[in-house]
Amino acid sequence: MTDSQIFSNTPPPTTHPQWGGEVKSKPHIEREGQSGSQPCNVIVANGEPPAHPWVVALLRRAAHIICCDGAVAALEHLGLEPAVVVGDGDSLTAEQRARYADFFEQDASTDYNDLTKAFNYCRRYGLDDLWVVGAGGRRDDHALANLGLLVRHAREFRVRMATNFGIFTPISATTEFAAYAGQQVSVFSFTPACRLTFHGLRYPVCERAFTELWEGSLNEALGDNFTVELCDEGEVLVYQAF
C-alpha cells in the first residue's frame, strides 16, 4: 500500500445519506478498496448472519461471494448463492454438499479457521477489494480473533469488515474518512509505538501513542469527515457505527 489511502464506505440511502463517498488523506491520492456502492468480493463468515440493510445490500451487489461452509444456510436464507464454499465441510448438510459439489474448496487443515481459509482462497485466485461479513456476534472469542485476522490480512489485501452494527477499516497510513455528525467512532492501535493524531473527532489527540487497545475508543465525528493521522509506521483499526 502507498502512504495515502482512500476508503469509501458508501451505503445505500439511509437516515444519513451523506455518510460515504470518497475518503482522502494527502495531496497524492490513490484509491484503495472498492466503494460500498460498487460490486466487490465478499467473504461470509459463520458468525452472526448479515441482517442490517446496508450489509445485505452489499452482499446483493457482490461480484463474488466466498462463503465459509458454516455460513451457507444464512446465505441461502437471504436468497443468495456463493461463488465458492470453503472450509472442511463439516458444517454442510448432505443436500448442500451435493448442491455445491462443483464450487466447494475443501481444506481440512486444523491449523487455521475458515475465515483464514477464505483469505487463502482469495490469495490463490487473485481476488482483492474484499469485505468480510458475518464475522461478529455469537462467540466473543471468535469475533475478537476475526478482528485480529482483519488487521493481519490488511497487510496484503484491501479489506474491510461490516457487522450488523458498523464497519471496521484497518489502515496503515494517514486516512480521512467520510462520516456524519454524531457518528460513533473508535480507533484501536495495534502498534503501541505509533503516535496518532485525530482531526474532526469530539475528543482530539495530538501525536499520542496508545499503549492500551481501549484508549482510542468511544469517540464521535463532528461533521462529514474525520482524519486519523499516523505519525509513525503502524497498524490501526477504525470502527464507524452505522
C-alpha atoms as a PDB file:
ATOM      1  CA  MET A   1       0.000   0.000   0.000  1.00  0.00           C
ATOM      2  CA  THR A   2       1.062   3.615  -0.507  1.00  0.00           C
ATOM      3  CA  ASP A   3       1.395   6.368   2.071  1.00  0.00           C
ATOM      4  CA  SER A   4      -2.103   7.587   1.351  1.00  0.00           C
ATOM      5  CA  GLN A   5      -5.353   5.691   1.220  1.00  0.00           C
ATOM      6  CA  ILE A   6      -8.946   6.245   0.239  1.00  0.00           C
ATOM      7  CA  PHE A   7     -11.711   4.217   1.804  1.00  0.00           C
ATOM      8  CA  SER A   8     -15.201   4.782   0.507  1.00  0.00           C
ATOM      9  CA  ASN A   9     -17.854   3.130   2.631  1.00  0.00           C
ATOM     10  CA  THR A  10     -20.848   4.418   0.687  1.00  0.00           C
ATOM     11  CA  PRO A  11     -24.129   2.963   1.954  1.00  0.00           C
ATOM     12  CA  PRO A  12     -27.433   2.869   0.152  1.00  0.00           C
ATOM     13  CA  PRO A  13     -29.839   5.663   1.165  1.00  0.00           C
ATOM     14  CA  THR A  14     -30.345   5.750   4.948  1.00  0.00           C
ATOM     15  CA  THR A  15     -31.180   8.399   7.510  1.00  0.00           C
ATOM     16  CA  HIS A  16     -27.591   9.611   6.984  1.00  0.00           C
ATOM     17  CA  PRO A  17     -27.311   9.775   3.152  1.00  0.00           C
ATOM     18  CA  GLN A  18     -24.110  11.819   3.258  1.00  0.00           C
ATOM     19  CA  TRP A  19     -22.110   9.125   5.033  1.00  0.00           C
ATOM     20  CA  GLY A  20     -19.806   7.617   2.461  1.00  0.00           C
ATOM     21  CA  GLY A  21     -18.193   8.851  -0.725  1.00  0.00           C
ATOM     22  CA  GLU A  22     -14.514   9.492  -1.246  1.00  0.00           C
ATOM     23  CA  VAL A  23     -12.164   9.460   1.690  1.00  0.00           C
ATOM     24  CA  LYS A  24      -8.949  11.391   1.201  1.00  0.00           C
ATOM     25  CA  SER A  25      -5.665  11.707   3.032  1.00  0.00           C
ATOM     26  CA  LYS A  26      -2.756  13.516   1.309  1.00  0.00           C
ATOM     27  CA  PRO A  27      -2.360  15.582  -1.889  1.00  0.00           C
ATOM     28  CA  HIS A  28      -1.146  12.496  -3.772  1.00  0.00           C
ATOM     29  CA  ILE A  29      -4.183  10.243  -3.540  1.00  0.00           C
ATOM     30  CA  GLU A  30      -4.635   6.716  -4.737  1.00  0.00           C
ATOM     31  CA  ARG A  31      -7.838   4.717  -4.463  1.00  0.00           C
ATOM     32  CA  GLU A  32      -7.647   1.863  -2.015  1.00  0.00           C
ATOM     33  CA  GLY A  33     -10.539  -0.587  -1.956  1.00  0.00           C
ATOM     34  CA  GLN A  34     -13.987  -0.506  -3.527  1.00  0.00           C
ATOM     35  CA  SER A  35     -16.824   1.823  -2.751  1.00  0.00           C
ATOM     36  CA  GLY A  36     -19.595   0.148  -0.801  1.00  0.00           C
ATOM     37  CA  SER A  37     -21.908   1.047  -3.708  1.00  0.00           C
ATOM     38  CA  GLN A  38     -19.864  -0.891  -6.290  1.00  0.00           C
ATOM     39  CA  PRO A  39     -19.550  -4.662  -6.882  1.00  0.00           C
ATOM     40  CA  CYS A  40     -16.866  -6.196  -4.699  1.00  0.00           C
ATOM     41  CA  ASN A  41     -15.765  -9.545  -3.321  1.00  0.00           C
ATOM     42  CA  VAL A  42     -17.455 -10.563  -0.069  1.00  0.00           C
ATOM     43  CA  ILE A  43     -16.357 -13.229   2.403  1.00  0.00           C
ATOM     44  CA  VAL A  44     -19.223 -14.569   4.536  1.00  0.00           C
ATOM     45  CA  ALA A  45     -18.086 -15.972   7.881  1.00  0.00           C
ATOM     46  CA  ASN A  46     -20.070 -18.169  10.251  1.00  0.00           C
ATOM     47  CA  GLY A  47     -20.869 -15.594  12.914  1.00  0.00           C
ATOM     48  CA  GLU A  48     -23.999 -13.529  13.367  1.00  0.00           C
ATOM     49  CA  PRO A  49     -25.823 -13.702   9.997  1.00  0.00           C
ATOM     50  CA  PRO A  50     -25.938 -10.475   7.949  1.00  0.00           C
ATOM     51  CA  ALA A  51     -29.171  -8.647   8.755  1.00  0.00           C
ATOM     52  CA  HIS A  52     -28.551  -4.887   8.576  1.00  0.00           C
ATOM     53  CA  PRO A  53     -29.939  -3.490   5.282  1.00  0.00           C
ATOM     54  CA  TRP A  54     -26.557  -1.963   4.361  1.00  0.00           C
ATOM     55  CA  VAL A  55     -24.788  -5.298   4.789  1.00  0.00           C
ATOM     56  CA  VAL A  56     -27.467  -7.246   2.923  1.00  0.00           C
ATOM     57  CA  ALA A  57     -27.319  -4.708   0.072  1.00  0.00           C
ATOM     58  CA  LEU A  58     -23.538  -5.135  -0.017  1.00  0.00           C
ATOM     59  CA  LEU A  59     -23.984  -8.893  -0.436  1.00  0.00           C
ATOM     60  CA  ARG A  60     -26.529  -8.448  -3.207  1.00  0.00           C
ATOM     61  CA  ARG A  61     -24.063  -6.259  -5.128  1.00  0.00           C
ATOM     62  CA  ALA A  62     -21.154  -8.652  -4.672  1.00  0.00           C
ATOM     63  CA  ALA A  63     -19.207  -9.729  -7.739  1.00  0.00           C
ATOM     64  CA  HIS A  64     -18.096 -12.884  -5.902  1.00  0.00           C
ATOM     65  CA  ILE A  65     -19.322 -14.347  -2.619  1.00  0.00           C
ATOM     66  CA  ILE A  66     -16.786 -16.559  -0.840  1.00  0.00           C
ATOM     67  CA  CYS A  67     -18.733 -18.434   1.815  1.00  0.00           C
ATOM     68  CA  CYS A  68     -17.331 -20.293   4.823  1.00  0.00           C
ATOM     69  CA  ASP A  69     -19.093 -23.641   4.970  1.00  0.00           C
ATOM     70  CA  GLY A  70     -20.870 -22.876   8.247  1.00  0.00           C
ATOM     71  CA  ALA A  71     -22.494 -19.765   6.735  1.00  0.00           C
ATOM     72  CA  VAL A  72     -24.153 -21.417   3.734  1.00  0.00           C
ATOM     73  CA  ALA A  73     -27.562 -21.684   5.409  1.00  0.00           C
ATOM     74  CA  ALA A  74     -27.540 -17.985   6.373  1.00  0.00           C
ATOM     75  CA  LEU A  75     -26.659 -17.011   2.805  1.00  0.00           C
ATOM     76  CA  GLU A  76     -29.408 -19.223   1.383  1.00  0.00           C
ATOM     77  CA  HIS A  77     -31.856 -17.616   3.830  1.00  0.00           C
ATOM     78  CA  LEU A  78     -31.183 -14.328   2.040  1.00  0.00           C
ATOM     79  CA  GLY A  79     -31.902 -15.956  -1.310  1.00  0.00           C
ATOM     80  CA  LEU A  80     -28.243 -15.825  -2.358  1.00  0.00           C
ATOM     81  CA  GLU A  81     -25.778 -18.441  -3.538  1.00  0.00           C
ATOM     82  CA  PRO A  82     -21.994 -18.392  -3.121  1.00  0.00           C
ATOM     83  CA  ALA A  83     -19.483 -18.439  -5.940  1.00  0.00           C
ATOM     84  CA  VAL A  84     -17.458 -20.827  -3.783  1.00  0.00           C
ATOM     85  CA  VAL A  85     -17.734 -22.568  -0.424  1.00  0.00           C
ATOM     86  CA  VAL A  86     -14.546 -23.000   1.621  1.00  0.00           C
ATOM     87  CA  GLY A  87     -13.764 -24.980   4.756  1.00  0.00           C
ATOM     88  CA  ASP A  88     -13.504 -28.560   5.933  1.00  0.00           C
ATOM     89  CA  GLY A  89     -17.126 -29.285   5.031  1.00  0.00           C
ATOM     90  CA  ASP A  90     -18.187 -30.485   8.461  1.00  0.00           C
ATOM     91  CA  SER A  91     -20.979 -27.892   8.636  1.00  0.00           C
ATOM     92  CA  LEU A  92     -22.558 -28.797   5.295  1.00  0.00           C
ATOM     93  CA  THR A  93     -25.627 -30.969   5.037  1.00  0.00           C
ATOM     94  CA  ALA A  94     -25.688 -33.806   2.504  1.00  0.00           C
ATOM     95  CA  GLU A  95     -28.003 -31.703   0.343  1.00  0.00           C
ATOM     96  CA  GLN A  96     -25.634 -28.717   0.465  1.00  0.00           C
ATOM     97  CA  ARG A  97     -22.645 -30.926  -0.346  1.00  0.00           C
ATOM     98  CA  ALA A  98     -24.441 -32.139  -3.454  1.00  0.00           C
ATOM     99  CA  ARG A  99     -25.634 -28.666  -4.455  1.00  0.00           C
ATOM    100  CA  TYR A 100     -22.190 -27.064  -4.181  1.00  0.00           C
ATOM    101  CA  ALA A 101     -20.054 -30.023  -5.168  1.00  0.00           C
ATOM    102  CA  ASP A 102     -18.587 -28.129  -8.125  1.00  0.00           C
ATOM    103  CA  PHE A 103     -17.923 -24.999  -6.051  1.00  0.00           C
ATOM    104  CA  PHE A 104     -16.534 -26.491  -2.845  1.00  0.00           C
ATOM    105  CA  GLU A 105     -12.889 -25.778  -1.987  1.00  0.00           C
ATOM    106  CA  GLN A 106     -12.218 -28.258   0.790  1.00  0.00           C
ATOM    107  CA  ASP A 107      -9.451 -27.520   3.263  1.00  0.00           C
ATOM    108  CA  ALA A 108      -9.312 -29.972   6.152  1.00  0.00           C
ATOM    109  CA  SER A 109      -6.457 -28.189   7.927  1.00  0.00           C
ATOM    110  CA  THR A 110      -6.984 -27.661  11.653  1.00  0.00           C
ATOM    111  CA  ASP A 111      -4.235 -25.030  11.846  1.00  0.00           C
ATOM    112  CA  TYR A 112      -6.489 -22.205  10.579  1.00  0.00           C
ATOM    113  CA  ASN A 113     -10.117 -21.231  10.926  1.00  0.00           C
ATOM    114  CA  ASP A 114     -12.470 -20.992   7.953  1.00  0.00           C
ATOM    115  CA  LEU A 115     -12.044 -17.217   7.639  1.00  0.00           C
ATOM    116  CA  THR A 116      -8.313 -17.693   7.115  1.00  0.00           C
ATOM    117  CA  LYS A 117      -9.084 -20.414   4.563  1.00  0.00           C
ATOM    118  CA  ALA A 118     -11.309 -17.910   2.735  1.00  0.00           C
ATOM    119  CA  PHE A 119      -8.450 -15.389   2.640  1.00  0.00           C
ATOM    120  CA  ASN A 120      -6.152 -18.148   1.364  1.00  0.00           C
ATOM    121  CA  TYR A 121      -8.637 -18.814  -1.440  1.00  0.00           C
ATOM    122  CA  CYS A 122      -8.676 -15.110  -2.356  1.00  0.00           C
ATOM    123  CA  ARG A 123      -4.881 -15.043  -2.445  1.00  0.00           C
ATOM    124  CA  ARG A 124      -4.758 -18.153  -4.610  1.00  0.00           C
ATOM    125  CA  TYR A 125      -7.152 -16.716  -7.193  1.00  0.00           C
ATOM    126  CA  GLY A 126      -6.018 -13.087  -7.065  1.00  0.00           C
ATOM    127  CA  LEU A 127      -9.164 -11.626  -5.504  1.00  0.00           C
ATOM    128  CA  ASP A 128      -8.838  -8.260  -3.762  1.00  0.00           C
ATOM    129  CA  ASP A 129     -11.119  -5.376  -2.718  1.00  0.00           C
ATOM    130  CA  LEU A 130     -12.648  -7.563  -0.038  1.00  0.00           C
ATOM    131  CA  TRP A 131     -15.405  -7.147   2.506  1.00  0.00           C
ATOM    132  CA  VAL A 132     -15.886  -9.584   5.379  1.00  0.00           C
ATOM    133  CA  VAL A 133     -19.410 -10.012   6.778  1.00  0.00           C
ATOM    134  CA  GLY A 134     -20.858 -12.396   9.341  1.00  0.00           C
ATOM    135  CA  ALA A 135     -17.646 -12.352  11.379  1.00  0.00           C
ATOM    136  CA  GLY A 136     -19.051 -10.879  14.603  1.00  0.00           C
ATOM    137  CA  GLY A 137     -21.589 -11.969  17.184  1.00  0.00           C
ATOM    138  CA  ARG A 138     -22.289 -15.430  18.545  1.00  0.00           C
ATOM    139  CA  ARG A 139     -18.925 -16.333  20.129  1.00  0.00           C
ATOM    140  CA  ASP A 140     -16.977 -13.384  21.525  1.00  0.00           C
ATOM    141  CA  ASP A 141     -13.640 -15.166  21.221  1.00  0.00           C
ATOM    142  CA  HIS A 142     -14.255 -15.823  17.526  1.00  0.00           C
ATOM    143  CA  ALA A 143     -15.221 -12.187  16.960  1.00  0.00           C
ATOM    144  CA  LEU A 144     -12.045 -10.940  18.636  1.00  0.00           C
ATOM    145  CA  ALA A 145      -9.892 -13.412  16.702  1.00  0.00           C
ATOM    146  CA  ASN A 146     -11.541 -12.328  13.447  1.00  0.00           C
ATOM    147  CA  LEU A 147     -10.667  -8.681  14.108  1.00  0.00           C
ATOM    148  CA  GLY A 148      -7.064  -9.734  14.615  1.00  0.00           C
ATOM    149  CA  LEU A 149      -7.205 -11.603  11.319  1.00  0.00           C
ATOM    150  CA  LEU A 150      -8.626  -8.498   9.618  1.00  0.00           C
ATOM    151  CA  VAL A 151      -5.601  -6.451  10.694  1.00  0.00           C
ATOM    152  CA  ARG A 152      -3.237  -9.257   9.691  1.00  0.00           C
ATOM    153  CA  HIS A 153      -4.694  -9.695   6.206  1.00  0.00           C
ATOM    154  CA  ALA A 154      -4.854  -5.940   5.564  1.00  0.00           C
ATOM    155  CA  ARG A 155      -1.090  -6.227   5.001  1.00  0.00           C
ATOM    156  CA  GLU A 156      -1.791  -7.898   1.661  1.00  0.00           C
ATOM    157  CA  PHE A 157      -5.460  -7.171   0.817  1.00  0.00           C
ATOM    158  CA  ARG A 158      -7.674  -4.114   0.590  1.00  0.00           C
ATOM    159  CA  VAL A 159     -10.235  -5.314   3.097  1.00  0.00           C
ATOM    160  CA  ARG A 160     -12.916  -4.074   5.479  1.00  0.00           C
ATOM    161  CA  MET A 161     -15.365  -5.795   7.792  1.00  0.00           C
ATOM    162  CA  ALA A 162     -19.072  -4.977   8.104  1.00  0.00           C
ATOM    163  CA  THR A 163     -21.117  -6.235  11.041  1.00  0.00           C
ATOM    164  CA  ASN A 164     -24.785  -5.567  11.753  1.00  0.00           C
ATOM    165  CA  PHE A 165     -23.708  -2.535  13.765  1.00  0.00           C
ATOM    166  CA  GLY A 166     -20.949  -0.833  11.781  1.00  0.00           C
ATOM    167  CA  ILE A 167     -17.740  -1.050   9.750  1.00  0.00           C
ATOM    168  CA  PHE A 168     -14.155  -1.852  10.741  1.00  0.00           C
ATOM    169  CA  THR A 169     -11.443  -0.441   8.463  1.00  0.00           C
ATOM    170  CA  PRO A 170      -7.787  -1.393   9.004  1.00  0.00           C
ATOM    171  CA  ILE A 171      -5.317   1.321   8.000  1.00  0.00           C
ATOM    172  CA  SER A 172      -1.531   1.685   7.927  1.00  0.00           C
ATOM    173  CA  ALA A 173      -1.324   5.326   6.781  1.00  0.00           C
ATOM    174  CA  THR A 174      -2.985   8.669   7.439  1.00  0.00           C
ATOM    175  CA  THR A 175      -6.577   8.338   6.262  1.00  0.00           C
ATOM    176  CA  GLU A 176      -9.591  10.638   6.063  1.00  0.00           C
ATOM    177  CA  PHE A 177     -12.998   9.005   6.475  1.00  0.00           C
ATOM    178  CA  ALA A 178     -16.390  10.176   5.292  1.00  0.00           C
ATOM    179  CA  ALA A 179     -18.767  10.352   8.243  1.00  0.00           C
ATOM    180  CA  TYR A 180     -21.806  12.203   9.604  1.00  0.00           C
ATOM    181  CA  ALA A 181     -22.084  14.462  12.635  1.00  0.00           C
ATOM    182  CA  GLY A 182     -22.649  12.351  15.712  1.00  0.00           C
ATOM    183  CA  GLN A 183     -21.377   9.103  14.204  1.00  0.00           C
ATOM    184  CA  GLN A 184     -19.779   6.927  16.864  1.00  0.00           C
ATOM    185  CA  VAL A 185     -16.119   6.190  16.122  1.00  0.00           C
ATOM    186  CA  SER A 186     -13.462   4.111  17.836  1.00  0.00           C
ATOM    187  CA  VAL A 187      -9.768   3.852  16.966  1.00  0.00           C
ATOM    188  CA  PHE A 188      -7.771   0.803  18.046  1.00  0.00           C
ATOM    189  CA  SER A 189      -3.990   0.883  17.733  1.00  0.00           C
ATOM    190  CA  PHE A 190      -2.276  -2.458  17.259  1.00  0.00           C
ATOM    191  CA  THR A 191       1.141  -0.732  17.342  1.00  0.00           C
ATOM    192  CA  PRO A 192       1.763   0.882  20.757  1.00  0.00           C
ATOM    193  CA  ALA A 193       4.803   2.817  19.470  1.00  0.00           C
ATOM    194  CA  CYS A 194       2.792   4.521  16.703  1.00  0.00           C
ATOM    195  CA  ARG A 195       1.767   8.085  17.579  1.00  0.00           C
ATOM    196  CA  LEU A 196      -1.698   9.108  16.409  1.00  0.00           C
ATOM    197  CA  THR A 197      -3.407  12.442  15.817  1.00  0.00           C
ATOM    198  CA  PHE A 198      -7.187  12.767  15.405  1.00  0.00           C
ATOM    199  CA  HIS A 199      -8.845  15.524  13.372  1.00  0.00           C
ATOM    200  CA  GLY A 200     -12.598  16.087  13.250  1.00  0.00           C
ATOM    201  CA  LEU A 201     -13.431  13.981  16.313  1.00  0.00           C
ATOM    202  CA  ARG A 202     -15.034  15.239  19.516  1.00  0.00           C
ATOM    203  CA  TYR A 203     -12.069  14.095  21.579  1.00  0.00           C
ATOM    204  CA  PRO A 204      -8.958  15.017  19.552  1.00  0.00           C
ATOM    205  CA  VAL A 205      -5.468  13.793  20.381  1.00  0.00           C
ATOM    206  CA  CYS A 206      -2.110  15.032  19.105  1.00  0.00           C
ATOM    207  CA  GLU A 207       0.811  12.684  18.479  1.00  0.00           C
ATOM    208  CA  ARG A 208      -0.282  10.321  21.209  1.00  0.00           C
ATOM    209  CA  ALA A 209       0.835   6.700  21.378  1.00  0.00           C
ATOM    210  CA  PHE A 210      -1.876   4.408  22.707  1.00  0.00           C
ATOM    211  CA  THR A 211      -0.278   1.695  24.815  1.00  0.00           C
ATOM    212  CA  GLU A 212      -3.623   0.048  25.598  1.00  0.00           C
ATOM    213  CA  LEU A 213      -6.076  -1.187  22.967  1.00  0.00           C
ATOM    214  CA  TRP A 214      -9.075   0.581  24.539  1.00  0.00           C
ATOM    215  CA  GLU A 215      -7.568   4.076  24.755  1.00  0.00           C
ATOM    216  CA  GLY A 216      -8.823   5.375  21.395  1.00  0.00           C
ATOM    217  CA  SER A 217     -12.347   4.032  21.718  1.00  0.00           C
ATOM    218  CA  LEU A 218     -15.701   5.795  22.204  1.00  0.00           C
ATOM    219  CA  ASN A 219     -15.193   8.942  20.148  1.00  0.00           C
ATOM    220  CA  GLU A 220     -17.596  10.837  17.875  1.00  0.00           C
ATOM    221  CA  ALA A 221     -17.423  12.527  14.465  1.00  0.00           C
ATOM    222  CA  LEU A 222     -18.125  16.261  14.479  1.00  0.00           C
ATOM    223  CA  GLY A 223     -19.059  16.579  10.810  1.00  0.00           C
ATOM    224  CA  ASP A 224     -18.989  14.880   7.436  1.00  0.00           C
ATOM    225  CA  ASN A 225     -15.397  13.673   7.716  1.00  0.00           C
ATOM    226  CA  PHE A 226     -12.602  12.961  10.163  1.00  0.00           C
ATOM    227  CA  THR A 227      -8.940  12.022   9.841  1.00  0.00           C
ATOM    228  CA  VAL A 228      -6.771   9.528  11.682  1.00  0.00           C
ATOM    229  CA  GLU A 229      -3.161  10.618  11.199  1.00  0.00           C
ATOM    230  CA  LEU A 230      -0.392   8.080  11.711  1.00  0.00           C
ATOM    231  CA  CYS A 231       2.813   9.852  12.736  1.00  0.00           C
ATOM    232  CA  ASP A 232       4.805   6.594  12.623  1.00  0.00           C
ATOM    233  CA  GLU A 233       4.536   3.198  10.955  1.00  0.00           C
ATOM    234  CA  GLY A 234       1.747   1.191  12.486  1.00  0.00           C
ATOM    235  CA  GLU A 235      -1.432  -0.849  12.165  1.00  0.00           C
ATOM    236  CA  VAL A 236      -4.694   0.745  13.266  1.00  0.00           C
ATOM    237  CA  LEU A 237      -8.301  -0.406  13.180  1.00  0.00           C
ATOM    238  CA  VAL A 238     -11.030   2.242  12.801  1.00  0.00           C
ATOM    239  CA  TYR A 239     -14.655   1.490  13.690  1.00  0.00           C
ATOM    240  CA  GLN A 240     -17.637   3.519  12.440  1.00  0.00           C
ATOM    241  CA  ALA A 241     -21.097   2.718  13.732  1.00  0.00           C
ATOM    242  CA  PHE A 242     -23.986   2.749  11.258  1.00  0.00           C
END
